[in-house]
Each structure stands twice: as structure tokens, then as C-alpha cells.
PDB file of N, CA and C in Angstrom:
ATOM      1  N   UNK A   1      -7.319 111.504  73.914  1.00  0.00           N
ATOM      2  CA  UNK A   1      -8.355 110.529  74.857  1.00  0.00           C
ATOM      3  C   UNK A   1      -9.104 110.387  73.421  1.00  0.00           C
ATOM      4  N   UNK A   2      -9.556 109.095  74.011  1.00  0.00           N
ATOM      5  CA  UNK A   2     -10.828 108.563  72.762  1.00  0.00           C
ATOM      6  C   UNK A   2     -11.864 107.830  73.866  1.00  0.00           C
ATOM      7  N   UNK A   3     -13.282 107.928  73.143  1.00  0.00           N
ATOM      8  CA  UNK A   3     -13.987 107.294  73.728  1.00  0.00           C
ATOM      9  C   UNK A   3     -14.441 105.834  73.364  1.00  0.00           C
ATOM     10  N   UNK A   4     -14.400 105.755  71.576  1.00  0.00           N
ATOM     11  CA  UNK A   4     -14.594 104.337  71.596  1.00  0.00           C
ATOM     12  C   UNK A   4     -14.204 104.932  69.921  1.00  0.00           C
ATOM     13  N   UNK A   5     -13.942 103.117  69.724  1.00  0.00           N
ATOM     14  CA  UNK A   5     -13.652 103.159  67.694  1.00  0.00           C
ATOM     15  C   UNK A   5     -14.376 102.153  67.328  1.00  0.00           C
ATOM     16  N   UNK A   6     -14.689 102.020  65.401  1.00  0.00           N
ATOM     17  CA  UNK A   6     -15.552 100.923  65.327  1.00  0.00           C
ATOM     18  C   UNK A   6     -14.267  99.605  64.047  1.00  0.00           C
ATOM     19  N   UNK A   7     -14.429  99.131  63.918  1.00  0.00           N
ATOM     20  CA  UNK A   7     -13.861  98.025  62.837  1.00  0.00           C
ATOM     21  C   UNK A   7     -14.491  98.785  61.508  1.00  0.00           C
ATOM     22  N   UNK A   8     -13.186  98.877  60.611  1.00  0.00           N
ATOM     23  CA  UNK A   8     -13.211  98.768  59.707  1.00  0.00           C
ATOM     24  C   UNK A   8     -13.664  98.299  58.557  1.00  0.00           C
ATOM     25  N   UNK A   9     -14.973  98.135  57.872  1.00  0.00           N
ATOM     26  CA  UNK A   9     -14.893  96.413  57.225  1.00  0.00           C
ATOM     27  C   UNK A   9     -15.431  97.317  55.678  1.00  0.00           C
ATOM     28  N   UNK A  10     -15.037  97.127  54.804  1.00  0.00           N
ATOM     29  CA  UNK A  10     -15.581  97.717  53.348  1.00  0.00           C
ATOM     30  C   UNK A  10     -16.004  99.010  53.290  1.00  0.00           C
ATOM     31  N   UNK A  11     -14.757  99.687  54.128  1.00  0.00           N
ATOM     32  CA  UNK A  11     -14.604 101.232  53.672  1.00  0.00           C
ATOM     33  C   UNK A  11     -16.028 102.107  54.710  1.00  0.00           C
ATOM     34  N   UNK A  12     -16.385 101.241  55.375  1.00  0.00           N
ATOM     35  CA  UNK A  12     -17.273 101.818  56.637  1.00  0.00           C
ATOM     36  C   UNK A  12     -17.104 101.526  58.084  1.00  0.00           C
ATOM     37  N   UNK A  13     -17.076 102.233  58.953  1.00  0.00           N
ATOM     38  CA  UNK A  13     -16.670 102.491  60.293  1.00  0.00           C
ATOM     39  C   UNK A  13     -18.169 101.397  61.130  1.00  0.00           C
ATOM     40  N   UNK A  14     -18.188 100.545  61.675  1.00  0.00           N
ATOM     41  CA  UNK A  14     -19.309  99.430  62.052  1.00  0.00           C
ATOM     42  C   UNK A  14     -18.825  99.302  63.347  1.00  0.00           C
ATOM     43  N   UNK A  15     -19.919  98.927  64.178  1.00  0.00           N
ATOM     44  CA  UNK A  15     -19.535  98.229  65.407  1.00  0.00           C
ATOM     45  C   UNK A  15     -19.330  96.264  65.412  1.00  0.00           C
ATOM     46  N   UNK A  16     -18.759  95.705  66.349  1.00  0.00           N
ATOM     47  CA  UNK A  16     -19.141  94.635  66.115  1.00  0.00           C
ATOM     48  C   UNK A  16     -20.226  94.124  66.001  1.00  0.00           C
ATOM     49  N   UNK A  17     -20.244  92.875  65.478  1.00  0.00           N
ATOM     50  CA  UNK A  17     -21.817  92.412  65.224  1.00  0.00           C
ATOM     51  C   UNK A  17     -22.762  91.892  66.543  1.00  0.00           C
ATOM     52  N   UNK A  18     -21.881  91.569  67.580  1.00  0.00           N
ATOM     53  CA  UNK A  18     -22.838  91.285  68.779  1.00  0.00           C
ATOM     54  C   UNK A  18     -22.738  92.400  69.666  1.00  0.00           C
ATOM     55  N   UNK A  19     -21.899  93.930  69.316  1.00  0.00           N
ATOM     56  CA  UNK A  19     -22.174  94.701  70.104  1.00  0.00           C
ATOM     57  C   UNK A  19     -21.170  94.561  71.192  1.00  0.00           C
ATOM     58  N   UNK A  20     -20.918  93.926  71.411  1.00  0.00           N
ATOM     59  CA  UNK A  20     -19.580  93.690  72.485  1.00  0.00           C
ATOM     60  C   UNK A  20     -18.292  94.433  72.337  1.00  0.00           C
ATOM     61  N   UNK A  21     -17.736  95.214  73.266  1.00  0.00           N
ATOM     62  CA  UNK A  21     -16.698  95.872  73.283  1.00  0.00           C
ATOM     63  C   UNK A  21     -15.705  95.396  74.403  1.00  0.00           C
ATOM     64  N   UNK A  22     -14.297  95.654  74.335  1.00  0.00           N
ATOM     65  CA  UNK A  22     -13.230  95.602  75.581  1.00  0.00           C
ATOM     66  C   UNK A  22     -13.134  97.175  75.786  1.00  0.00           C
ATOM     67  N   UNK A  23     -12.748  97.064  76.956  1.00  0.00           N
ATOM     68  CA  UNK A  23     -12.220  98.601  77.648  1.00  0.00           C
ATOM     69  C   UNK A  23     -10.591  98.425  77.526  1.00  0.00           C
ATOM     70  N   UNK A  24     -10.596  99.763  77.386  1.00  0.00           N
ATOM     71  CA  UNK A  24      -8.691  99.910  77.162  1.00  0.00           C
ATOM     72  C   UNK A  24      -8.372 100.688  78.334  1.00  0.00           C
ATOM     73  N   UNK A  25      -7.497 100.245  79.155  1.00  0.00           N
ATOM     74  CA  UNK A  25      -7.258 100.936  80.378  1.00  0.00           C
ATOM     75  C   UNK A  25      -5.617 101.326  80.073  1.00  0.00           C
ATOM     76  N   UNK A  26      -5.211 102.884  81.019  1.00  0.00           N
ATOM     77  CA  UNK A  26      -4.460 103.119  80.722  1.00  0.00           C
ATOM     78  C   UNK A  26      -3.315 102.596  81.565  1.00  0.00           C
ATOM     79  N   UNK A  27      -2.306 101.799  80.536  1.00  0.00           N
ATOM     80  CA  UNK A  27      -1.522 101.326  81.773  1.00  0.00           C
ATOM     81  C   UNK A  27      -0.785 101.612  83.096  1.00  0.00           C
ATOM     82  N   UNK A  28      -0.369 103.260  83.098  1.00  0.00           N
ATOM     83  CA  UNK A  28      -0.293 104.165  84.275  1.00  0.00           C
ATOM     84  C   UNK A  28      -1.034 104.164  85.111  1.00  0.00           C
ATOM     85  N   UNK A  29      -2.235 104.059  85.136  1.00  0.00           N
ATOM     86  CA  UNK A  29      -3.306 104.746  86.029  1.00  0.00           C
ATOM     87  C   UNK A  29      -4.288 103.698  86.269  1.00  0.00           C
ATOM     88  N   UNK A  30      -4.481 102.753  85.386  1.00  0.00           N
ATOM     89  CA  UNK A  30      -5.478 101.520  85.074  1.00  0.00           C
ATOM     90  C   UNK A  30      -7.239 102.245  84.919  1.00  0.00           C
ATOM     91  N   UNK A  31      -6.792 103.928  84.895  1.00  0.00           N
ATOM     92  CA  UNK A  31      -8.283 104.124  84.411  1.00  0.00           C
ATOM     93  C   UNK A  31      -8.979 103.709  83.229  1.00  0.00           C
ATOM     94  N   UNK A  32     -10.011 103.421  83.036  1.00  0.00           N
ATOM     95  CA  UNK A  32     -10.463 103.376  81.604  1.00  0.00           C
ATOM     96  C   UNK A  32     -10.161 104.584  80.840  1.00  0.00           C
ATOM     97  N   UNK A  33      -9.942 104.507  79.641  1.00  0.00           N
ATOM     98  CA  UNK A  33      -9.281 105.547  78.567  1.00  0.00           C
ATOM     99  C   UNK A  33     -10.310 105.346  77.366  1.00  0.00           C
ATOM    100  N   UNK A  34     -11.033 104.662  76.794  1.00  0.00           N
ATOM    101  CA  UNK A  34     -11.800 104.075  76.032  1.00  0.00           C
ATOM    102  C   UNK A  34     -12.372 102.499  75.709  1.00  0.00           C
ATOM    103  N   UNK A  35     -12.743 102.537  74.781  1.00  0.00           N
ATOM    104  CA  UNK A  35     -13.484 101.168  74.292  1.00  0.00           C
ATOM    105  C   UNK A  35     -12.912 101.039  72.822  1.00  0.00           C
ATOM    106  N   UNK A  36     -12.842  99.222  72.841  1.00  0.00           N
ATOM    107  CA  UNK A  36     -12.916  99.016  71.219  1.00  0.00           C
ATOM    108  C   UNK A  36     -13.724  97.747  70.930  1.00  0.00           C
ATOM    109  N   UNK A  37     -14.143  97.800  69.916  1.00  0.00           N
ATOM    110  CA  UNK A  37     -15.378  96.625  69.356  1.00  0.00           C
ATOM    111  C   UNK A  37     -14.760  95.250  69.597  1.00  0.00           C
ATOM    112  N   UNK A  38     -15.047  94.366  69.811  1.00  0.00           N
ATOM    113  CA  UNK A  38     -14.668  92.936  70.485  1.00  0.00           C
ATOM    114  C   UNK A  38     -14.972  92.411  68.869  1.00  0.00           C
ATOM    115  N   UNK A  39     -14.467  92.071  67.825  1.00  0.00           N
ATOM    116  CA  UNK A  39     -14.610  91.881  66.685  1.00  0.00           C
ATOM    117  C   UNK A  39     -14.959  90.183  67.098  1.00  0.00           C
ATOM    118  N   UNK A  40     -15.784  89.115  66.150  1.00  0.00           N
ATOM    119  CA  UNK A  40     -15.968  87.609  66.204  1.00  0.00           C
ATOM    120  C   UNK A  40     -15.675  87.030  64.594  1.00  0.00           C
ATOM    121  N   UNK A  41     -16.077  85.857  64.633  1.00  0.00           N
ATOM    122  CA  UNK A  41     -15.929  85.335  63.628  1.00  0.00           C
ATOM    123  C   UNK A  41     -16.709  86.149  62.434  1.00  0.00           C
ATOM    124  N   UNK A  42     -18.131  86.412  62.693  1.00  0.00           N
ATOM    125  CA  UNK A  42     -18.755  86.958  61.582  1.00  0.00           C
ATOM    126  C   UNK A  42     -18.050  88.458  61.136  1.00  0.00           C
ATOM    127  N   UNK A  43     -17.696  89.362  62.060  1.00  0.00           N
ATOM    128  CA  UNK A  43     -16.890  89.895  61.597  1.00  0.00           C
ATOM    129  C   UNK A  43     -15.681  90.101  60.581  1.00  0.00           C
ATOM    130  N   UNK A  44     -15.169  89.187  61.328  1.00  0.00           N
ATOM    131  CA  UNK A  44     -13.742  88.505  60.436  1.00  0.00           C
ATOM    132  C   UNK A  44     -14.253  88.104  58.644  1.00  0.00           C
ATOM    133  N   UNK A  45     -15.268  87.491  58.599  1.00  0.00           N
ATOM    134  CA  UNK A  45     -15.556  86.796  57.439  1.00  0.00           C
ATOM    135  C   UNK A  45     -16.384  88.017  56.728  1.00  0.00           C
ATOM    136  N   UNK A  46     -16.793  88.980  57.503  1.00  0.00           N
ATOM    137  CA  UNK A  46     -17.176  90.231  56.432  1.00  0.00           C
ATOM    138  C   UNK A  46     -16.212  91.075  56.047  1.00  0.00           C
ATOM    139  N   UNK A  47     -15.035  91.593  57.272  1.00  0.00           N
ATOM    140  CA  UNK A  47     -13.832  91.833  56.579  1.00  0.00           C
ATOM    141  C   UNK A  47     -13.007  91.154  55.504  1.00  0.00           C
ATOM    142  N   UNK A  48     -12.952  89.811  55.355  1.00  0.00           N
ATOM    143  CA  UNK A  48     -12.264  89.129  54.223  1.00  0.00           C
ATOM    144  C   UNK A  48     -13.400  88.840  52.986  1.00  0.00           C
ATOM    145  N   UNK A  49     -14.306  89.259  53.348  1.00  0.00           N
ATOM    146  CA  UNK A  49     -15.044  89.293  51.757  1.00  0.00           C
ATOM    147  C   UNK A  49     -14.782  90.066  50.377  1.00  0.00           C
TER     148      UNK A  49
END
């Protein structure tokens, strides 16, 4: 189980630009198991540079 993970951009782990996250739930129980950053356009642009 994990608590959170980040976006790997330019060799560094970071949060989404706006700090938003998506809760990941277990398909078996519906319980939250962690969260992932909700990347936005600015994150995409940074990753593609």
C-alpha cells in the first residue's frame, strides 16, 4: 500500500502544479489506498520541454 506518489518531470519527483490529487480506491472494498497527483496542462508542458 502507498500513501502518495508524484509526477516524475525532468528527473525529479514533484506534486501537481495546482496541488490537486486524485484518490485511488481499492476495487474490492472501495476504501482509499492512496492518492496520485492530478496533472494539468502546465505539468504536461513541463514534462515535454
